[in-house]
Amino acid sequence: MPVFRRTPDVEEYFDFKRGTLYCLLDQGNIKGAVLRQAGCLKGVRLRHMASVREYILTQMDSSAIFASS
């Protein structure tokens, strides 16, 4: 698995919608970076694939605890 991917690639790989990825990033649940040259308005937003995977695993862990109670 690549370390960083663009949003459409993460959407396809993990079956998340773009809005969900932005919310998770804003909440600090996943990591990302914007690559942009100085003075440019546009850039490339990359998602850290391992952090998305870790987020999913934490959700699985918390739901397993909830289901077993």
N, C-alpha and C. Protein backbone atom coordinates (compact mmCIF):
# COMPACT_ATOMS: atom_id res chain seq x y z
N MET A 1 0.85 -1.18 0.00
CA MET A 1 0.00 0.00 0.00
C MET A 1 0.89 1.23 0.00
N PRO A 2 0.62 2.19 -0.89
CA PRO A 2 1.40 3.43 -0.91
C PRO A 2 1.22 4.22 0.39
N VAL A 3 2.18 5.05 0.71
CA VAL A 3 2.12 5.84 1.94
C VAL A 3 1.08 6.95 1.80
N PHE A 4 1.09 7.66 0.67
CA PHE A 4 0.16 8.77 0.44
C PHE A 4 -0.59 8.54 -0.86
N ARG A 5 -1.86 8.96 -0.89
CA ARG A 5 -2.65 8.88 -2.11
C ARG A 5 -3.54 10.11 -2.21
N ARG A 6 -3.97 10.43 -3.41
CA ARG A 6 -4.92 11.52 -3.62
C ARG A 6 -6.31 11.06 -3.18
N THR A 7 -7.18 12.04 -2.97
CA THR A 7 -8.52 11.77 -2.46
C THR A 7 -9.30 10.74 -3.30
N PRO A 8 -9.36 10.85 -4.63
CA PRO A 8 -10.11 9.85 -5.39
C PRO A 8 -9.58 8.42 -5.20
N ASP A 9 -8.28 8.28 -5.03
CA ASP A 9 -7.70 6.96 -4.82
C ASP A 9 -8.10 6.40 -3.46
N VAL A 10 -8.13 7.27 -2.45
CA VAL A 10 -8.53 6.84 -1.11
C VAL A 10 -10.01 6.48 -1.11
N GLU A 11 -10.82 7.26 -1.83
CA GLU A 11 -12.25 6.96 -1.96
C GLU A 11 -12.45 5.56 -2.53
N GLU A 12 -11.72 5.24 -3.57
CA GLU A 12 -11.86 3.94 -4.23
C GLU A 12 -11.33 2.81 -3.35
N TYR A 13 -10.20 3.02 -2.72
CA TYR A 13 -9.54 1.97 -1.95
C TYR A 13 -10.32 1.62 -0.69
N PHE A 14 -10.81 2.64 0.05
CA PHE A 14 -11.49 2.41 1.32
C PHE A 14 -13.00 2.59 1.24
N ASP A 15 -13.52 3.00 0.09
CA ASP A 15 -14.95 3.20 -0.11
C ASP A 15 -15.52 4.29 0.78
N PHE A 16 -14.74 5.36 0.99
CA PHE A 16 -15.20 6.55 1.70
C PHE A 16 -15.58 7.60 0.67
N LYS A 17 -16.50 8.46 1.04
CA LYS A 17 -16.85 9.60 0.19
C LYS A 17 -15.91 10.76 0.50
N ARG A 18 -15.77 11.67 -0.45
CA ARG A 18 -14.86 12.82 -0.29
C ARG A 18 -15.22 13.64 0.94
N GLY A 19 -16.49 13.90 1.15
CA GLY A 19 -16.93 14.69 2.30
C GLY A 19 -16.54 14.04 3.63
N THR A 20 -16.65 12.73 3.69
CA THR A 20 -16.26 12.00 4.89
C THR A 20 -14.77 12.16 5.15
N LEU A 21 -13.98 12.06 4.09
CA LEU A 21 -12.53 12.21 4.25
C LEU A 21 -12.17 13.61 4.75
N TYR A 22 -12.83 14.63 4.22
CA TYR A 22 -12.56 15.99 4.69
C TYR A 22 -12.98 16.17 6.14
N CYS A 23 -14.11 15.60 6.54
CA CYS A 23 -14.54 15.68 7.95
C CYS A 23 -13.55 14.98 8.87
N LEU A 24 -13.11 13.79 8.49
CA LEU A 24 -12.15 13.05 9.30
C LEU A 24 -10.84 13.81 9.41
N LEU A 25 -10.43 14.46 8.34
CA LEU A 25 -9.20 15.25 8.36
C LEU A 25 -9.37 16.47 9.27
N ASP A 26 -10.50 17.15 9.16
CA ASP A 26 -10.76 18.33 10.01
C ASP A 26 -10.82 17.96 11.49
N GLN A 27 -11.34 16.78 11.80
CA GLN A 27 -11.45 16.33 13.18
C GLN A 27 -10.14 15.77 13.72
N GLY A 28 -9.15 15.62 12.84
CA GLY A 28 -7.86 15.09 13.27
C GLY A 28 -7.82 13.58 13.36
N ASN A 29 -8.80 12.91 12.78
CA ASN A 29 -8.85 11.44 12.83
C ASN A 29 -7.93 10.79 11.81
N ILE A 30 -7.66 11.48 10.72
CA ILE A 30 -6.70 10.98 9.72
C ILE A 30 -5.72 12.10 9.41
N LYS A 31 -4.62 11.72 8.77
CA LYS A 31 -3.57 12.70 8.45
C LYS A 31 -3.56 12.97 6.95
N GLY A 32 -3.14 14.18 6.63
CA GLY A 32 -3.03 14.56 5.23
C GLY A 32 -2.07 15.71 5.07
N ALA A 33 -1.76 16.02 3.83
CA ALA A 33 -0.84 17.12 3.53
C ALA A 33 -1.25 17.76 2.22
N VAL A 34 -0.93 19.04 2.08
CA VAL A 34 -1.15 19.75 0.83
C VAL A 34 0.22 20.12 0.27
N LEU A 35 0.48 19.71 -0.95
CA LEU A 35 1.72 20.07 -1.63
C LEU A 35 1.40 21.22 -2.57
N ARG A 36 2.05 22.36 -2.31
CA ARG A 36 1.77 23.56 -3.09
C ARG A 36 3.04 24.38 -3.17
N GLN A 37 3.34 24.87 -4.34
CA GLN A 37 4.50 25.73 -4.50
C GLN A 37 4.19 27.12 -3.95
N ALA A 38 5.21 27.78 -3.46
CA ALA A 38 5.03 29.12 -2.89
C ALA A 38 4.40 30.06 -3.92
N GLY A 39 3.36 30.77 -3.49
CA GLY A 39 2.69 31.72 -4.36
C GLY A 39 1.58 31.13 -5.20
N CYS A 40 1.43 29.82 -5.19
CA CYS A 40 0.37 29.18 -5.98
C CYS A 40 -0.88 29.00 -5.13
N LEU A 41 -2.03 29.16 -5.75
CA LEU A 41 -3.30 28.96 -5.06
C LEU A 41 -3.69 27.49 -5.01
N LYS A 42 -3.34 26.75 -6.03
CA LYS A 42 -3.74 25.35 -6.12
C LYS A 42 -2.59 24.43 -5.75
N GLY A 43 -2.96 23.26 -5.26
CA GLY A 43 -1.96 22.26 -4.91
C GLY A 43 -2.59 20.88 -4.96
N VAL A 44 -1.87 19.93 -4.44
CA VAL A 44 -2.33 18.55 -4.40
C VAL A 44 -2.52 18.16 -2.95
N ARG A 45 -3.72 17.69 -2.61
CA ARG A 45 -3.98 17.22 -1.24
C ARG A 45 -3.79 15.71 -1.22
N LEU A 46 -2.94 15.26 -0.33
CA LEU A 46 -2.66 13.85 -0.18
C LEU A 46 -3.15 13.34 1.17
N ARG A 47 -3.59 12.10 1.21
CA ARG A 47 -4.04 11.46 2.44
C ARG A 47 -3.01 10.41 2.85
N HIS A 48 -2.78 10.31 4.14
CA HIS A 48 -1.87 9.31 4.68
C HIS A 48 -2.64 8.01 4.83
N MET A 49 -2.33 7.03 4.00
CA MET A 49 -3.11 5.80 3.92
C MET A 49 -3.12 5.02 5.24
N ALA A 50 -1.98 4.98 5.93
CA ALA A 50 -1.92 4.24 7.19
C ALA A 50 -2.83 4.85 8.24
N SER A 51 -2.98 6.19 8.24
CA SER A 51 -3.85 6.82 9.23
C SER A 51 -5.32 6.51 8.94
N VAL A 52 -5.68 6.39 7.66
CA VAL A 52 -7.06 6.01 7.31
C VAL A 52 -7.32 4.58 7.77
N ARG A 53 -6.36 3.71 7.53
CA ARG A 53 -6.50 2.32 7.96
C ARG A 53 -6.59 2.22 9.48
N GLU A 54 -5.76 2.97 10.19
CA GLU A 54 -5.79 2.98 11.65
C GLU A 54 -7.14 3.47 12.17
N TYR A 55 -7.69 4.49 11.51
CA TYR A 55 -9.01 4.99 11.91
C TYR A 55 -10.06 3.90 11.78
N ILE A 56 -10.04 3.18 10.68
CA ILE A 56 -11.01 2.09 10.47
C ILE A 56 -10.84 1.03 11.55
N LEU A 57 -9.60 0.67 11.86
CA LEU A 57 -9.36 -0.34 12.89
C LEU A 57 -9.83 0.11 14.26
N THR A 58 -9.67 1.40 14.59
CA THR A 58 -10.15 1.88 15.88
C THR A 58 -11.68 1.83 15.93
N GLN A 59 -12.33 2.09 14.80
CA GLN A 59 -13.78 2.00 14.76
C GLN A 59 -14.24 0.56 14.93
N MET A 60 -13.50 -0.37 14.38
CA MET A 60 -13.82 -1.79 14.55
C MET A 60 -13.65 -2.20 16.02
N ASP A 61 -12.58 -1.73 16.66
CA ASP A 61 -12.32 -2.06 18.05
C ASP A 61 -13.41 -1.51 18.95
N SER A 62 -13.81 -0.26 18.73
CA SER A 62 -14.83 0.35 19.59
C SER A 62 -16.19 -0.28 19.36
N SER A 63 -16.51 -0.66 18.13
CA SER A 63 -17.80 -1.30 17.89
C SER A 63 -17.82 -2.71 18.45
N ALA A 64 -16.69 -3.40 18.45
CA ALA A 64 -16.62 -4.75 19.03
C ALA A 64 -16.84 -4.68 20.53
N ILE A 65 -16.28 -3.68 21.19
CA ILE A 65 -16.47 -3.51 22.62
C ILE A 65 -17.94 -3.21 22.93
N PHE A 66 -18.54 -2.34 22.11
CA PHE A 66 -19.94 -1.98 22.30
C PHE A 66 -20.86 -3.18 22.08
N ALA A 67 -20.55 -3.99 21.07
CA ALA A 67 -21.40 -5.14 20.74
C ALA A 67 -21.31 -6.23 21.80
N SER A 68 -20.17 -6.35 22.46
CA SER A 68 -20.01 -7.42 23.45
C SER A 68 -20.62 -7.06 24.79
N SER A 69 -20.98 -5.79 25.03
CA SER A 69 -21.56 -5.39 26.32
C SER A 69 -23.01 -5.81 26.45
